Amino acid sequence: MKRWRHLIVVIGIIPSLIIYVAFFMYIFDYITGYHWSIDWLIYILAGFLWLYPATKVIKWLADNEAH
């Protein structure tokens, strides 16, 4: 099975995203609602925060599949 890494990524990414979203929904209950600019900043940061680990996973997958 040449593409076993794809299976690992799919199996790992879905629970990770669910945990990520659940965690931030819990945190947002406590830190939002004070001022619209703070809310905006928090949502932007949380929206981009997942990109760092996602790029690492995609790079790992691309580097190993290219060989």
N, C-alpha and C. Protein backbone atom coordinates (compact mmCIF):
# COMPACT_ATOMS: atom_id res chain seq x y z
N MET A 1 0.86 -1.18 0.00
CA MET A 1 0.00 0.00 0.00
C MET A 1 0.90 1.23 0.00
N LYS A 2 1.00 1.86 -1.14
CA LYS A 2 1.93 2.96 -1.30
C LYS A 2 1.47 4.24 -0.62
N ARG A 3 0.19 4.46 -0.54
CA ARG A 3 -0.33 5.72 -0.02
C ARG A 3 -0.90 5.59 1.39
N TRP A 4 -0.21 4.89 2.25
CA TRP A 4 -0.69 4.70 3.61
C TRP A 4 -0.67 6.00 4.40
N ARG A 5 0.18 6.94 4.01
CA ARG A 5 0.24 8.21 4.72
C ARG A 5 -1.06 9.01 4.54
N HIS A 6 -1.68 8.90 3.39
CA HIS A 6 -2.96 9.57 3.18
C HIS A 6 -4.01 9.08 4.17
N LEU A 7 -4.02 7.79 4.39
CA LEU A 7 -4.97 7.21 5.34
C LEU A 7 -4.71 7.73 6.75
N ILE A 8 -3.44 7.79 7.14
CA ILE A 8 -3.09 8.31 8.47
C ILE A 8 -3.54 9.76 8.61
N VAL A 9 -3.31 10.56 7.59
CA VAL A 9 -3.70 11.98 7.64
C VAL A 9 -5.21 12.11 7.76
N VAL A 10 -5.95 11.36 6.98
CA VAL A 10 -7.41 11.45 7.02
C VAL A 10 -7.94 11.00 8.39
N ILE A 11 -7.41 9.90 8.90
CA ILE A 11 -7.86 9.40 10.19
C ILE A 11 -7.47 10.36 11.32
N GLY A 12 -6.33 11.02 11.19
CA GLY A 12 -5.88 11.92 12.24
C GLY A 12 -6.46 13.32 12.17
N ILE A 13 -6.72 13.81 10.97
CA ILE A 13 -7.12 15.21 10.82
C ILE A 13 -8.56 15.45 11.28
N ILE A 14 -9.43 14.50 11.06
CA ILE A 14 -10.84 14.70 11.42
C ILE A 14 -11.03 14.81 12.93
N PRO A 15 -10.50 13.87 13.73
CA PRO A 15 -10.63 14.05 15.18
C PRO A 15 -9.89 15.29 15.69
N SER A 16 -8.76 15.60 15.08
CA SER A 16 -8.01 16.79 15.49
C SER A 16 -8.81 18.07 15.26
N LEU A 17 -9.45 18.17 14.13
CA LEU A 17 -10.26 19.36 13.85
C LEU A 17 -11.47 19.44 14.77
N ILE A 18 -12.07 18.32 15.07
CA ILE A 18 -13.21 18.31 15.99
C ILE A 18 -12.78 18.78 17.37
N ILE A 19 -11.64 18.30 17.85
CA ILE A 19 -11.11 18.73 19.15
C ILE A 19 -10.75 20.21 19.12
N TYR A 20 -10.13 20.65 18.04
CA TYR A 20 -9.74 22.06 17.89
C TYR A 20 -10.97 22.97 17.96
N VAL A 21 -12.00 22.62 17.20
CA VAL A 21 -13.22 23.44 17.18
C VAL A 21 -13.92 23.42 18.53
N ALA A 22 -14.02 22.25 19.14
CA ALA A 22 -14.67 22.15 20.45
C ALA A 22 -13.91 22.96 21.50
N PHE A 23 -12.59 22.89 21.48
CA PHE A 23 -11.78 23.64 22.43
C PHE A 23 -12.01 25.14 22.28
N PHE A 24 -11.98 25.64 21.05
CA PHE A 24 -12.15 27.07 20.86
C PHE A 24 -13.58 27.53 21.11
N MET A 25 -14.55 26.68 20.85
CA MET A 25 -15.92 27.05 21.20
C MET A 25 -16.05 27.21 22.71
N TYR A 26 -15.41 26.34 23.46
CA TYR A 26 -15.43 26.44 24.92
C TYR A 26 -14.73 27.71 25.39
N ILE A 27 -13.57 27.99 24.83
CA ILE A 27 -12.79 29.17 25.21
C ILE A 27 -13.53 30.45 24.81
N PHE A 28 -14.14 30.47 23.63
CA PHE A 28 -14.83 31.67 23.15
C PHE A 28 -15.98 32.07 24.06
N ASP A 29 -16.58 31.12 24.75
CA ASP A 29 -17.65 31.46 25.69
C ASP A 29 -17.17 32.40 26.78
N TYR A 30 -15.91 32.31 27.13
CA TYR A 30 -15.38 33.11 28.23
C TYR A 30 -14.67 34.39 27.79
N ILE A 31 -14.14 34.42 26.57
CA ILE A 31 -13.31 35.57 26.19
C ILE A 31 -13.94 36.47 25.14
N THR A 32 -15.11 36.16 24.67
CA THR A 32 -15.76 37.03 23.69
C THR A 32 -16.88 37.82 24.35
N GLY A 33 -17.30 38.87 23.65
CA GLY A 33 -18.42 39.66 24.12
C GLY A 33 -18.04 40.93 24.85
N TYR A 34 -16.77 41.19 25.00
CA TYR A 34 -16.35 42.40 25.70
C TYR A 34 -16.31 43.61 24.76
N HIS A 35 -15.74 43.41 23.60
CA HIS A 35 -15.66 44.48 22.60
C HIS A 35 -15.54 43.82 21.24
N TRP A 36 -16.16 44.43 20.24
CA TRP A 36 -16.19 43.81 18.91
C TRP A 36 -14.79 43.66 18.31
N SER A 37 -13.88 44.58 18.60
CA SER A 37 -12.54 44.47 18.01
C SER A 37 -11.75 43.31 18.63
N ILE A 38 -11.96 43.06 19.92
CA ILE A 38 -11.30 41.92 20.56
C ILE A 38 -11.87 40.62 19.99
N ASP A 39 -13.18 40.56 19.82
CA ASP A 39 -13.81 39.38 19.22
C ASP A 39 -13.26 39.13 17.82
N TRP A 40 -13.15 40.17 17.04
CA TRP A 40 -12.66 40.06 15.68
C TRP A 40 -11.23 39.50 15.68
N LEU A 41 -10.38 40.03 16.53
CA LEU A 41 -9.00 39.59 16.61
C LEU A 41 -8.90 38.13 17.04
N ILE A 42 -9.70 37.75 18.02
CA ILE A 42 -9.68 36.37 18.51
C ILE A 42 -10.11 35.39 17.42
N TYR A 43 -11.17 35.73 16.70
CA TYR A 43 -11.64 34.83 15.63
C TYR A 43 -10.63 34.73 14.49
N ILE A 44 -9.99 35.83 14.16
CA ILE A 44 -8.97 35.79 13.11
C ILE A 44 -7.78 34.93 13.54
N LEU A 45 -7.32 35.12 14.76
CA LEU A 45 -6.19 34.32 15.25
C LEU A 45 -6.53 32.84 15.31
N ALA A 46 -7.70 32.51 15.81
CA ALA A 46 -8.11 31.11 15.89
C ALA A 46 -8.29 30.51 14.50
N GLY A 47 -8.73 31.33 13.56
CA GLY A 47 -8.89 30.84 12.19
C GLY A 47 -7.58 30.52 11.51
N PHE A 48 -6.55 31.29 11.83
CA PHE A 48 -5.25 31.05 11.22
C PHE A 48 -4.36 30.12 12.03
N LEU A 49 -4.68 29.90 13.28
CA LEU A 49 -3.84 29.09 14.15
C LEU A 49 -3.70 27.65 13.66
N TRP A 50 -4.73 27.09 13.07
CA TRP A 50 -4.67 25.71 12.62
C TRP A 50 -3.80 25.55 11.37
N LEU A 51 -3.46 26.65 10.70
CA LEU A 51 -2.67 26.54 9.48
C LEU A 51 -1.25 26.04 9.73
N TYR A 52 -0.64 26.41 10.84
CA TYR A 52 0.74 25.98 11.12
C TYR A 52 0.85 24.45 11.20
N PRO A 53 0.06 23.78 12.03
CA PRO A 53 0.19 22.31 12.04
C PRO A 53 -0.27 21.68 10.73
N ALA A 54 -1.25 22.27 10.07
CA ALA A 54 -1.71 21.71 8.80
C ALA A 54 -0.61 21.77 7.74
N THR A 55 0.15 22.86 7.70
CA THR A 55 1.23 22.95 6.72
C THR A 55 2.33 21.93 7.03
N LYS A 56 2.58 21.66 8.30
CA LYS A 56 3.56 20.64 8.65
C LYS A 56 3.12 19.25 8.17
N VAL A 57 1.85 18.95 8.36
CA VAL A 57 1.33 17.64 7.94
C VAL A 57 1.36 17.53 6.42
N ILE A 58 0.95 18.57 5.73
CA ILE A 58 0.94 18.54 4.27
C ILE A 58 2.36 18.44 3.72
N LYS A 59 3.30 19.15 4.34
CA LYS A 59 4.70 19.07 3.91
C LYS A 59 5.24 17.66 4.12
N TRP A 60 4.94 17.06 5.27
CA TRP A 60 5.36 15.69 5.55
C TRP A 60 4.80 14.73 4.50
N LEU A 61 3.53 14.91 4.20
CA LEU A 61 2.87 14.04 3.23
C LEU A 61 3.46 14.25 1.83
N ALA A 62 3.68 15.47 1.44
CA ALA A 62 4.22 15.77 0.10
C ALA A 62 5.66 15.30 -0.04
N ASP A 63 6.47 15.51 0.98
CA ASP A 63 7.88 15.10 0.91
C ASP A 63 8.03 13.59 0.79
N ASN A 64 7.23 12.87 1.53
CA ASN A 64 7.35 11.41 1.49
C ASN A 64 6.68 10.78 0.28
N GLU A 65 5.70 11.42 -0.29
CA GLU A 65 5.05 10.89 -1.49
C GLU A 65 5.82 11.22 -2.76
N ALA A 66 6.69 12.21 -2.69
CA ALA A 66 7.44 12.62 -3.89
C ALA A 66 8.54 11.61 -4.26
N HIS A 67 8.95 10.78 -3.32
CA HIS A 67 10.05 9.86 -3.59
C HIS A 67 9.60 8.62 -4.32
